[in-house]
């Protein structure tokens, strides 16, 4: 699973991408918005085929590392 980030300074997202036979397939994503200084609002979705595999946790770990 490859975790990639996009950020515009106020909003951003982390995507979990599955590299299936050379084709990247979205497994899940976590979006965030900087609500006020030192606070993020986050939302996430993991596609049904990938649930129960810890992908949401990987995305959360990436957001936490970014916030730190």
N, C-alpha and C. Protein backbone atom coordinates (compact mmCIF):
# COMPACT_ATOMS: atom_id res chain seq x y z
N UNK A 1 0.85 -1.17 0.00
CA UNK A 1 0.00 0.00 0.00
C UNK A 1 0.89 1.23 0.00
N UNK A 2 0.62 2.13 -0.89
CA UNK A 2 1.38 3.37 -1.01
C UNK A 2 0.50 4.51 -0.50
N UNK A 3 1.01 5.29 0.45
CA UNK A 3 0.28 6.43 1.00
C UNK A 3 0.86 7.70 0.37
N UNK A 4 0.00 8.49 -0.26
CA UNK A 4 0.43 9.74 -0.90
C UNK A 4 -0.37 10.90 -0.33
N UNK A 5 0.29 12.08 -0.29
CA UNK A 5 -0.34 13.27 0.27
C UNK A 5 -0.44 14.38 -0.77
N UNK A 6 -1.54 15.13 -0.66
CA UNK A 6 -1.72 16.38 -1.41
C UNK A 6 -2.13 17.43 -0.38
N UNK A 7 -1.59 18.65 -0.50
CA UNK A 7 -1.88 19.69 0.48
C UNK A 7 -1.82 21.05 -0.19
N UNK A 8 -2.79 21.92 0.13
CA UNK A 8 -2.77 23.28 -0.43
C UNK A 8 -2.56 24.33 0.65
N UNK A 9 -2.17 23.90 1.85
CA UNK A 9 -1.93 24.84 2.94
C UNK A 9 -3.06 24.91 3.94
N UNK A 10 -4.30 24.73 3.49
CA UNK A 10 -5.45 24.74 4.39
C UNK A 10 -6.20 23.40 4.35
N UNK A 11 -6.24 22.79 3.18
CA UNK A 11 -6.92 21.51 2.98
C UNK A 11 -5.93 20.51 2.41
N UNK A 12 -6.21 19.26 2.65
CA UNK A 12 -5.35 18.24 2.06
C UNK A 12 -5.97 16.87 2.19
N UNK A 13 -5.25 15.91 1.65
CA UNK A 13 -5.71 14.54 1.76
C UNK A 13 -4.54 13.59 1.67
N UNK A 14 -4.74 12.45 2.28
CA UNK A 14 -3.83 11.32 2.15
C UNK A 14 -4.62 10.23 1.46
N UNK A 15 -4.01 9.60 0.47
CA UNK A 15 -4.66 8.51 -0.26
C UNK A 15 -3.86 7.24 -0.08
N UNK A 16 -4.57 6.14 0.12
CA UNK A 16 -3.96 4.81 0.14
C UNK A 16 -4.19 4.21 -1.24
N UNK A 17 -3.10 3.91 -1.92
CA UNK A 17 -3.19 3.39 -3.27
C UNK A 17 -2.63 1.98 -3.32
N UNK A 18 -3.40 1.07 -3.89
CA UNK A 18 -3.00 -0.32 -4.06
C UNK A 18 -2.44 -0.46 -5.46
N UNK A 19 -1.22 -0.95 -5.56
CA UNK A 19 -0.57 -1.13 -6.85
C UNK A 19 -0.87 -2.55 -7.33
N UNK A 20 -1.98 -2.72 -8.00
CA UNK A 20 -2.46 -4.03 -8.44
C UNK A 20 -2.06 -4.26 -9.89
N UNK A 21 -1.07 -5.11 -10.10
CA UNK A 21 -0.59 -5.44 -11.46
C UNK A 21 -0.19 -4.19 -12.25
N UNK A 22 0.50 -3.27 -11.57
CA UNK A 22 0.98 -2.07 -12.24
C UNK A 22 -0.04 -0.95 -12.35
N UNK A 23 -1.27 -1.19 -11.91
CA UNK A 23 -2.31 -0.17 -11.95
C UNK A 23 -2.60 0.29 -10.53
N UNK A 24 -2.57 1.60 -10.31
CA UNK A 24 -2.90 2.13 -8.99
C UNK A 24 -4.41 2.18 -8.82
N UNK A 25 -4.86 1.62 -7.70
CA UNK A 25 -6.28 1.60 -7.38
C UNK A 25 -6.46 2.23 -6.01
N UNK A 26 -7.40 3.18 -5.91
CA UNK A 26 -7.67 3.84 -4.65
C UNK A 26 -8.29 2.85 -3.67
N UNK A 27 -7.66 2.72 -2.50
CA UNK A 27 -8.17 1.84 -1.45
C UNK A 27 -8.90 2.65 -0.39
N UNK A 28 -8.46 3.89 -0.16
CA UNK A 28 -9.09 4.74 0.83
C UNK A 28 -8.43 6.10 0.86
N UNK A 29 -9.07 7.03 1.55
CA UNK A 29 -8.48 8.35 1.68
C UNK A 29 -8.94 9.00 2.98
N UNK A 30 -8.11 9.91 3.44
CA UNK A 30 -8.40 10.69 4.63
C UNK A 30 -8.17 12.15 4.25
N UNK A 31 -9.22 12.96 4.37
CA UNK A 31 -9.11 14.38 4.07
C UNK A 31 -8.98 15.15 5.38
N UNK A 32 -8.36 16.31 5.29
CA UNK A 32 -8.24 17.15 6.48
C UNK A 32 -8.36 18.62 6.10
N UNK A 33 -8.84 19.39 7.06
CA UNK A 33 -8.95 20.84 6.93
C UNK A 33 -8.37 21.45 8.19
N UNK A 34 -7.57 22.49 8.04
CA UNK A 34 -7.06 23.22 9.20
C UNK A 34 -8.17 24.13 9.69
N UNK A 35 -8.79 23.75 10.82
CA UNK A 35 -9.92 24.52 11.35
C UNK A 35 -9.44 25.80 12.01
N UNK A 36 -8.52 25.68 12.92
CA UNK A 36 -7.84 26.79 13.56
C UNK A 36 -6.40 26.33 13.77
N UNK A 37 -5.53 27.24 14.15
CA UNK A 37 -4.15 26.84 14.37
C UNK A 37 -4.10 25.69 15.37
N UNK A 38 -3.31 24.70 15.06
CA UNK A 38 -3.10 23.52 15.90
C UNK A 38 -4.30 22.59 15.97
N UNK A 39 -5.24 22.65 15.00
CA UNK A 39 -6.37 21.73 15.01
C UNK A 39 -6.75 21.35 13.58
N UNK A 40 -6.91 20.05 13.35
CA UNK A 40 -7.37 19.52 12.07
C UNK A 40 -8.76 18.92 12.25
N UNK A 41 -9.57 19.04 11.23
CA UNK A 41 -10.79 18.27 11.12
C UNK A 41 -10.51 17.22 10.06
N UNK A 42 -10.71 15.94 10.41
CA UNK A 42 -10.41 14.89 9.45
C UNK A 42 -11.65 14.04 9.19
N UNK A 43 -11.67 13.46 8.02
CA UNK A 43 -12.73 12.55 7.61
C UNK A 43 -12.05 11.47 6.78
N UNK A 44 -12.58 10.26 6.81
CA UNK A 44 -11.94 9.21 6.04
C UNK A 44 -12.97 8.24 5.46
N UNK A 45 -12.52 7.53 4.46
CA UNK A 45 -13.31 6.48 3.85
C UNK A 45 -12.36 5.42 3.32
N UNK A 46 -12.65 4.17 3.63
CA UNK A 46 -11.91 3.05 3.08
C UNK A 46 -12.90 2.26 2.25
N UNK A 47 -12.54 1.97 1.01
CA UNK A 47 -13.44 1.24 0.13
C UNK A 47 -13.72 -0.15 0.70
N UNK A 48 -14.91 -0.64 0.46
CA UNK A 48 -15.38 -1.88 1.07
C UNK A 48 -14.42 -3.06 0.85
N UNK A 49 -13.85 -3.18 -0.33
CA UNK A 49 -12.93 -4.30 -0.61
C UNK A 49 -11.68 -4.28 0.26
N UNK A 50 -11.37 -3.14 0.88
CA UNK A 50 -10.14 -2.99 1.65
C UNK A 50 -10.38 -2.85 3.15
N UNK A 51 -11.61 -2.89 3.57
CA UNK A 51 -11.92 -2.74 5.00
C UNK A 51 -11.38 -3.93 5.79
N UNK A 52 -11.00 -3.65 7.04
CA UNK A 52 -10.49 -4.70 7.91
C UNK A 52 -9.02 -5.02 7.71
N UNK A 53 -8.32 -4.23 6.90
CA UNK A 53 -6.91 -4.48 6.60
C UNK A 53 -5.98 -3.45 7.24
N UNK A 54 -6.53 -2.55 8.08
CA UNK A 54 -5.71 -1.56 8.76
C UNK A 54 -5.36 -0.34 7.92
N UNK A 55 -6.04 -0.16 6.81
CA UNK A 55 -5.73 0.97 5.93
C UNK A 55 -6.12 2.29 6.57
N UNK A 56 -7.24 2.34 7.25
CA UNK A 56 -7.63 3.55 7.97
C UNK A 56 -6.58 3.95 8.99
N UNK A 57 -6.01 2.97 9.67
CA UNK A 57 -4.96 3.24 10.66
C UNK A 57 -3.70 3.77 9.98
N UNK A 58 -3.34 3.22 8.83
CA UNK A 58 -2.17 3.71 8.10
C UNK A 58 -2.37 5.17 7.69
N UNK A 59 -3.57 5.49 7.24
CA UNK A 59 -3.87 6.87 6.86
C UNK A 59 -3.81 7.79 8.07
N UNK A 60 -4.39 7.36 9.18
CA UNK A 60 -4.35 8.16 10.40
C UNK A 60 -2.91 8.38 10.87
N UNK A 61 -2.09 7.34 10.84
CA UNK A 61 -0.68 7.47 11.23
C UNK A 61 0.03 8.50 10.35
N UNK A 62 -0.29 8.51 9.05
CA UNK A 62 0.33 9.48 8.14
C UNK A 62 -0.10 10.91 8.48
N UNK A 63 -1.39 11.10 8.79
CA UNK A 63 -1.87 12.43 9.18
C UNK A 63 -1.23 12.90 10.48
N UNK A 64 -1.13 12.01 11.45
CA UNK A 64 -0.51 12.35 12.74
C UNK A 64 0.95 12.73 12.54
N UNK A 65 1.68 11.96 11.74
CA UNK A 65 3.09 12.28 11.47
C UNK A 65 3.21 13.65 10.79
N UNK A 66 2.32 13.95 9.87
CA UNK A 66 2.31 15.24 9.19
C UNK A 66 2.03 16.37 10.18
N UNK A 67 1.07 16.15 11.07
CA UNK A 67 0.70 17.19 12.05
C UNK A 67 1.83 17.49 13.01
N UNK A 68 2.59 16.47 13.35
CA UNK A 68 3.70 16.67 14.29
C UNK A 68 4.81 17.47 13.65
